[in-house]
């Protein structure tokens, strides 16, 4: 999701060095890039992953699971 949506930096979660490097890349980016990323992340979250967008699929899944 991070790569597909361009919303951050990927890291190997089993490697503290990899996590630190990803965080460092994000924090070390120029302010205008961090601002652009912040705005992009918000737009992606509100446009694709908000409850209003996701609720229909989730409710439909629960309904299908509740059927006998």
N, C-alpha and C. Protein backbone atom coordinates (compact mmCIF):
# COMPACT_ATOMS: atom_id res chain seq x y z
N UNK A 1 0.82 -1.18 0.00
CA UNK A 1 0.00 0.00 0.00
C UNK A 1 0.87 1.26 0.00
N UNK A 2 1.93 1.24 0.77
CA UNK A 2 2.80 2.41 0.84
C UNK A 2 3.34 2.76 -0.54
N UNK A 3 3.82 1.75 -1.24
CA UNK A 3 4.37 1.99 -2.58
C UNK A 3 3.26 2.31 -3.58
N UNK A 4 2.21 1.53 -3.58
CA UNK A 4 1.12 1.73 -4.55
C UNK A 4 0.46 3.09 -4.40
N UNK A 5 0.30 3.55 -3.18
CA UNK A 5 -0.38 4.83 -2.93
C UNK A 5 0.61 5.99 -2.77
N UNK A 6 1.90 5.68 -2.75
CA UNK A 6 2.96 6.70 -2.57
C UNK A 6 2.70 7.53 -1.31
N UNK A 7 2.55 6.81 -0.18
CA UNK A 7 2.21 7.50 1.07
C UNK A 7 3.28 7.36 2.15
N UNK A 8 4.50 7.08 1.78
CA UNK A 8 5.54 6.99 2.81
C UNK A 8 6.75 6.26 2.32
N UNK A 9 7.47 5.65 3.25
CA UNK A 9 8.68 4.91 2.94
C UNK A 9 8.54 3.49 3.47
N UNK A 10 8.92 2.53 2.68
CA UNK A 10 8.86 1.13 3.11
C UNK A 10 10.09 0.77 3.91
N UNK A 11 9.91 -0.17 4.85
CA UNK A 11 11.02 -0.65 5.67
C UNK A 11 10.76 -2.10 6.03
N UNK A 12 11.83 -2.81 6.31
CA UNK A 12 11.74 -4.17 6.81
C UNK A 12 11.42 -4.07 8.30
N UNK A 13 10.23 -4.50 8.69
CA UNK A 13 9.80 -4.34 10.09
C UNK A 13 10.60 -5.22 11.05
N UNK A 14 11.36 -6.15 10.54
CA UNK A 14 12.21 -6.99 11.38
C UNK A 14 13.61 -6.42 11.54
N UNK A 15 13.84 -5.25 10.95
CA UNK A 15 15.17 -4.65 11.00
C UNK A 15 15.10 -3.23 11.56
N UNK A 16 15.56 -3.04 12.79
CA UNK A 16 15.57 -1.69 13.34
C UNK A 16 16.34 -0.69 12.47
N UNK A 17 17.41 -1.15 11.85
CA UNK A 17 18.20 -0.26 10.99
C UNK A 17 17.38 0.18 9.77
N UNK A 18 16.61 -0.74 9.22
CA UNK A 18 15.77 -0.41 8.06
C UNK A 18 14.68 0.57 8.45
N UNK A 19 14.07 0.36 9.61
CA UNK A 19 13.04 1.28 10.09
C UNK A 19 13.64 2.65 10.33
N UNK A 20 14.79 2.70 10.99
CA UNK A 20 15.46 3.97 11.26
C UNK A 20 15.81 4.69 9.97
N UNK A 21 16.26 3.95 8.98
CA UNK A 21 16.61 4.55 7.69
C UNK A 21 15.39 5.15 7.01
N UNK A 22 14.27 4.43 7.02
CA UNK A 22 13.04 4.94 6.40
C UNK A 22 12.56 6.19 7.11
N UNK A 23 12.58 6.18 8.43
CA UNK A 23 12.18 7.37 9.20
C UNK A 23 13.13 8.52 8.89
N UNK A 24 14.41 8.23 8.83
CA UNK A 24 15.40 9.26 8.52
C UNK A 24 15.19 9.89 7.16
N UNK A 25 14.83 9.05 6.17
CA UNK A 25 14.57 9.58 4.83
C UNK A 25 13.36 10.52 4.85
N UNK A 26 12.33 10.13 5.57
CA UNK A 26 11.14 10.99 5.65
C UNK A 26 11.44 12.29 6.37
N UNK A 27 12.10 12.19 7.51
CA UNK A 27 12.39 13.39 8.29
C UNK A 27 13.45 14.28 7.64
N UNK A 28 14.32 13.65 6.86
CA UNK A 28 15.39 14.40 6.21
C UNK A 28 14.99 15.06 4.90
N UNK A 29 13.80 14.77 4.43
CA UNK A 29 13.33 15.38 3.18
C UNK A 29 13.10 16.87 3.40
N UNK A 30 13.25 17.65 2.35
CA UNK A 30 12.98 19.08 2.49
C UNK A 30 11.54 19.33 2.96
N UNK A 31 11.34 20.45 3.61
CA UNK A 31 10.03 20.76 4.18
C UNK A 31 8.92 20.72 3.13
N UNK A 32 9.19 21.24 1.94
CA UNK A 32 8.15 21.25 0.90
C UNK A 32 7.75 19.83 0.50
N UNK A 33 8.71 18.89 0.50
CA UNK A 33 8.38 17.49 0.19
C UNK A 33 7.56 16.86 1.31
N UNK A 34 7.91 17.13 2.56
CA UNK A 34 7.14 16.61 3.69
C UNK A 34 5.72 17.16 3.66
N UNK A 35 5.58 18.44 3.35
CA UNK A 35 4.24 19.04 3.24
C UNK A 35 3.43 18.41 2.12
N UNK A 36 4.08 18.19 0.98
CA UNK A 36 3.40 17.56 -0.16
C UNK A 36 2.95 16.15 0.21
N UNK A 37 3.85 15.40 0.87
CA UNK A 37 3.52 14.04 1.28
C UNK A 37 2.37 14.04 2.28
N UNK A 38 2.41 14.95 3.24
CA UNK A 38 1.34 15.05 4.24
C UNK A 38 0.00 15.30 3.57
N UNK A 39 -0.03 16.25 2.64
CA UNK A 39 -1.27 16.57 1.93
C UNK A 39 -1.74 15.40 1.08
N UNK A 40 -0.80 14.73 0.43
CA UNK A 40 -1.15 13.57 -0.40
C UNK A 40 -1.71 12.44 0.45
N UNK A 41 -1.06 12.16 1.60
CA UNK A 41 -1.55 11.09 2.50
C UNK A 41 -2.96 11.38 2.96
N UNK A 42 -3.23 12.62 3.31
CA UNK A 42 -4.57 13.00 3.77
C UNK A 42 -5.59 12.81 2.65
N UNK A 43 -5.24 13.23 1.44
CA UNK A 43 -6.15 13.09 0.31
C UNK A 43 -6.44 11.62 0.02
N UNK A 44 -5.42 10.78 0.05
CA UNK A 44 -5.60 9.35 -0.19
C UNK A 44 -6.48 8.75 0.90
N UNK A 45 -6.19 9.07 2.15
CA UNK A 45 -6.97 8.51 3.26
C UNK A 45 -8.43 8.91 3.16
N UNK A 46 -8.70 10.16 2.91
CA UNK A 46 -10.09 10.63 2.84
C UNK A 46 -10.80 10.14 1.58
N UNK A 47 -10.06 9.98 0.50
CA UNK A 47 -10.66 9.60 -0.76
C UNK A 47 -10.85 8.11 -0.96
N UNK A 48 -10.07 7.29 -0.24
CA UNK A 48 -10.12 5.85 -0.47
C UNK A 48 -10.34 5.01 0.77
N UNK A 49 -9.93 5.49 1.92
CA UNK A 49 -9.91 4.64 3.10
C UNK A 49 -10.75 5.15 4.27
N UNK A 50 -11.57 6.12 4.03
CA UNK A 50 -12.44 6.61 5.11
C UNK A 50 -13.59 5.64 5.33
N UNK A 51 -14.22 5.74 6.48
CA UNK A 51 -15.36 4.89 6.78
C UNK A 51 -16.45 5.06 5.74
N UNK A 52 -16.70 6.27 5.32
CA UNK A 52 -17.76 6.53 4.34
C UNK A 52 -17.50 5.78 3.04
N UNK A 53 -16.26 5.65 2.66
CA UNK A 53 -15.90 4.94 1.43
C UNK A 53 -15.90 3.43 1.65
N UNK A 54 -15.40 2.97 2.77
CA UNK A 54 -15.19 1.55 3.02
C UNK A 54 -16.39 0.83 3.63
N UNK A 55 -17.33 1.56 4.18
CA UNK A 55 -18.40 0.91 4.94
C UNK A 55 -19.25 -0.06 4.13
N UNK A 56 -19.55 0.26 2.90
CA UNK A 56 -20.41 -0.61 2.11
C UNK A 56 -19.79 -1.99 1.93
N UNK A 57 -18.52 -2.04 1.60
CA UNK A 57 -17.85 -3.33 1.42
C UNK A 57 -17.76 -4.11 2.71
N UNK A 58 -17.47 -3.44 3.81
CA UNK A 58 -17.35 -4.12 5.08
C UNK A 58 -18.70 -4.64 5.58
N UNK A 59 -19.72 -3.82 5.47
CA UNK A 59 -21.06 -4.25 5.88
C UNK A 59 -21.52 -5.42 5.00
N UNK A 60 -21.25 -5.36 3.73
CA UNK A 60 -21.60 -6.45 2.82
C UNK A 60 -20.88 -7.73 3.22
N UNK A 61 -19.61 -7.64 3.56
CA UNK A 61 -18.85 -8.80 4.00
C UNK A 61 -19.47 -9.39 5.27
N UNK A 62 -19.78 -8.55 6.25
CA UNK A 62 -20.39 -9.04 7.49
C UNK A 62 -21.73 -9.71 7.21
N UNK A 63 -22.51 -9.14 6.32
CA UNK A 63 -23.80 -9.75 5.98
C UNK A 63 -23.61 -11.14 5.37
N UNK A 64 -22.65 -11.25 4.48
CA UNK A 64 -22.40 -12.56 3.84
C UNK A 64 -21.91 -13.59 4.87
N UNK A 65 -21.15 -13.15 5.84
CA UNK A 65 -20.67 -14.06 6.88
C UNK A 65 -21.77 -14.47 7.85
N UNK A 66 -22.77 -13.61 8.01
CA UNK A 66 -23.86 -13.88 8.95
C UNK A 66 -24.94 -14.79 8.36
N UNK A 67 -24.93 -14.97 7.06
CA UNK A 67 -25.94 -15.85 6.44
C UNK A 67 -25.71 -17.29 6.85
N UNK A 68 -26.82 -18.01 7.03
CA UNK A 68 -26.68 -19.43 7.42
C UNK A 68 -26.08 -20.28 6.31
